[in-house]
Amino acid sequence: MKTIRTELVLERGEYLSRAREFCLRGEDLPHSKLSENDVYEIRSMIKQKEKMRKYIKENLSNDAISQKFNVHIRTIEKISNYSSWAHLIDDN
């Protein structure tokens, strides 16, 4: 005589598409070192870093500085490594 299962049985395709529903994630994991607030703070810091990187690229890069002063980018590079204008000493 055959026994019939009455509990919910998922087919393979459905199980694979829903597999993440059945596993522990985030703070529920026993070895987790971060809380949800930590992750939000990290993501916020990363966004700030990207904004700063964009600002630096647009305003403080050698290319941006050379355009501002209407000189060649190599002139800015020479000034930054003291191979040009070396007789001027920085105060800071």
C-alpha atoms as a PDB file:
ATOM      1  CA  MET A   1       0.000   0.000   0.000  1.00  0.00           C
ATOM      2  CA  LYS A   2       1.290   3.442  -0.989  1.00  0.00           C
ATOM      3  CA  THR A   3       1.365   6.290   1.501  1.00  0.00           C
ATOM      4  CA  ILE A   4       0.471   9.733   0.255  1.00  0.00           C
ATOM      5  CA  ARG A   5       2.393  12.748   1.566  1.00  0.00           C
ATOM      6  CA  THR A   6       0.130  15.475   2.822  1.00  0.00           C
ATOM      7  CA  GLU A   7       2.828  18.091   3.626  1.00  0.00           C
ATOM      8  CA  LEU A   8       3.869  20.723   1.136  1.00  0.00           C
ATOM      9  CA  VAL A   9       6.403  19.380  -1.343  1.00  0.00           C
ATOM     10  CA  LEU A  10       8.126  21.806  -3.664  1.00  0.00           C
ATOM     11  CA  GLU A  11       9.196  20.855  -7.122  1.00  0.00           C
ATOM     12  CA  ARG A  12      12.882  21.361  -7.895  1.00  0.00           C
ATOM     13  CA  GLY A  13      12.423  24.522  -9.998  1.00  0.00           C
ATOM     14  CA  GLU A  14      10.226  26.190  -7.430  1.00  0.00           C
ATOM     15  CA  TYR A  15      12.571  25.228  -4.600  1.00  0.00           C
ATOM     16  CA  LEU A  16      15.576  26.687  -6.435  1.00  0.00           C
ATOM     17  CA  SER A  17      13.751  29.929  -7.104  1.00  0.00           C
ATOM     18  CA  ARG A  18      12.618  30.192  -3.455  1.00  0.00           C
ATOM     19  CA  ALA A  19      15.714  28.684  -1.769  1.00  0.00           C
ATOM     20  CA  ARG A  20      16.761  31.979  -0.173  1.00  0.00           C
ATOM     21  CA  GLU A  21      13.487  32.142   1.718  1.00  0.00           C
ATOM     22  CA  PHE A  22      14.486  29.132   3.749  1.00  0.00           C
ATOM     23  CA  CYS A  23      18.004  30.103   4.893  1.00  0.00           C
ATOM     24  CA  LEU A  24      19.223  32.392   7.642  1.00  0.00           C
ATOM     25  CA  ARG A  25      20.572  35.765   6.576  1.00  0.00           C
ATOM     26  CA  GLY A  26      22.083  38.862   8.158  1.00  0.00           C
ATOM     27  CA  GLU A  27      21.828  39.194  11.924  1.00  0.00           C
ATOM     28  CA  ASP A  28      20.054  35.825  12.155  1.00  0.00           C
ATOM     29  CA  LEU A  29      23.332  34.058  11.397  1.00  0.00           C
ATOM     30  CA  PRO A  30      25.116  33.073  14.637  1.00  0.00           C
ATOM     31  CA  HIS A  31      28.557  34.177  13.378  1.00  0.00           C
ATOM     32  CA  SER A  32      27.404  37.589  12.099  1.00  0.00           C
ATOM     33  CA  LYS A  33      29.567  40.493  13.312  1.00  0.00           C
ATOM     34  CA  LEU A  34      27.468  43.276  11.803  1.00  0.00           C
ATOM     35  CA  SER A  35      24.037  44.570  12.668  1.00  0.00           C
ATOM     36  CA  GLU A  36      21.578  46.028  10.178  1.00  0.00           C
ATOM     37  CA  ASN A  37      22.474  49.535  11.386  1.00  0.00           C
ATOM     38  CA  ASP A  38      26.165  48.794  10.771  1.00  0.00           C
ATOM     39  CA  VAL A  39      25.378  47.829   7.176  1.00  0.00           C
ATOM     40  CA  TYR A  40      23.344  51.002   6.626  1.00  0.00           C
ATOM     41  CA  GLU A  41      26.216  53.071   8.034  1.00  0.00           C
ATOM     42  CA  ILE A  42      28.760  51.272   5.817  1.00  0.00           C
ATOM     43  CA  ARG A  43      26.628  51.872   2.726  1.00  0.00           C
ATOM     44  CA  SER A  44      26.259  55.529   3.661  1.00  0.00           C
ATOM     45  CA  MET A  45      30.031  55.853   4.062  1.00  0.00           C
ATOM     46  CA  ILE A  46      30.586  54.218   0.673  1.00  0.00           C
ATOM     47  CA  LYS A  47      28.173  56.681  -0.970  1.00  0.00           C
ATOM     48  CA  GLN A  48      30.038  59.588   0.670  1.00  0.00           C
ATOM     49  CA  LYS A  49      33.346  58.169  -0.564  1.00  0.00           C
ATOM     50  CA  GLU A  50      32.008  57.948  -4.118  1.00  0.00           C
ATOM     51  CA  LYS A  51      30.758  61.545  -3.973  1.00  0.00           C
ATOM     52  CA  MET A  52      34.157  62.711  -2.696  1.00  0.00           C
ATOM     53  CA  ARG A  53      35.948  60.709  -5.390  1.00  0.00           C
ATOM     54  CA  LYS A  54      33.767  62.345  -8.046  1.00  0.00           C
ATOM     55  CA  TYR A  55      34.422  65.825  -6.592  1.00  0.00           C
ATOM     56  CA  ILE A  56      38.174  65.190  -6.510  1.00  0.00           C
ATOM     57  CA  LYS A  57      38.186  63.912 -10.075  1.00  0.00           C
ATOM     58  CA  GLU A  58      36.196  66.894 -11.342  1.00  0.00           C
ATOM     59  CA  ASN A  59      37.895  69.642  -9.318  1.00  0.00           C
ATOM     60  CA  LEU A  60      41.222  68.514  -7.867  1.00  0.00           C
ATOM     61  CA  SER A  61      42.702  66.172 -10.451  1.00  0.00           C
ATOM     62  CA  ASN A  62      45.780  67.255 -12.375  1.00  0.00           C
ATOM     63  CA  ASP A  63      43.637  67.548 -15.471  1.00  0.00           C
ATOM     64  CA  ALA A  64      41.077  69.783 -13.732  1.00  0.00           C
ATOM     65  CA  ILE A  65      43.825  71.966 -12.236  1.00  0.00           C
ATOM     66  CA  SER A  66      45.549  72.304 -15.603  1.00  0.00           C
ATOM     67  CA  GLN A  67      42.287  73.392 -17.214  1.00  0.00           C
ATOM     68  CA  LYS A  68      41.655  75.897 -14.435  1.00  0.00           C
ATOM     69  CA  PHE A  69      45.054  77.547 -14.931  1.00  0.00           C
ATOM     70  CA  ASN A  70      45.073  77.019 -18.703  1.00  0.00           C
ATOM     71  CA  VAL A  71      48.348  75.073 -18.741  1.00  0.00           C
ATOM     72  CA  HIS A  72      49.357  71.620 -19.926  1.00  0.00           C
ATOM     73  CA  ILE A  73      48.725  68.722 -17.547  1.00  0.00           C
ATOM     74  CA  ARG A  74      52.460  67.894 -17.601  1.00  0.00           C
ATOM     75  CA  THR A  75      53.156  71.325 -16.095  1.00  0.00           C
ATOM     76  CA  ILE A  76      50.960  70.447 -13.112  1.00  0.00           C
ATOM     77  CA  GLU A  77      52.701  67.070 -12.776  1.00  0.00           C
ATOM     78  CA  LYS A  78      56.136  68.742 -12.761  1.00  0.00           C
ATOM     79  CA  ILE A  79      55.015  71.234 -10.126  1.00  0.00           C
ATOM     80  CA  SER A  80      53.585  68.471  -7.930  1.00  0.00           C
ATOM     81  CA  ASN A  81      56.826  66.443  -7.927  1.00  0.00           C
ATOM     82  CA  TYR A  82      59.027  69.559  -7.541  1.00  0.00           C
ATOM     83  CA  SER A  83      60.860  69.179 -10.840  1.00  0.00           C
ATOM     84  CA  SER A  84      59.522  72.591 -11.789  1.00  0.00           C
ATOM     85  CA  TRP A  85      59.150  75.625  -9.526  1.00  0.00           C
ATOM     86  CA  ALA A  86      61.289  73.760  -6.976  1.00  0.00           C
ATOM     87  CA  HIS A  87      62.695  76.990  -5.541  1.00  0.00           C
ATOM     88  CA  LEU A  88      59.310  77.715  -3.894  1.00  0.00           C
ATOM     89  CA  ILE A  89      58.921  76.124  -0.469  1.00  0.00           C
ATOM     90  CA  ASP A  90      55.510  75.136   0.860  1.00  0.00           C
ATOM     91  CA  ASP A  91      54.485  76.432   4.279  1.00  0.00           C
ATOM     92  CA  ASN A  92      52.474  73.304   5.118  1.00  0.00           C
END
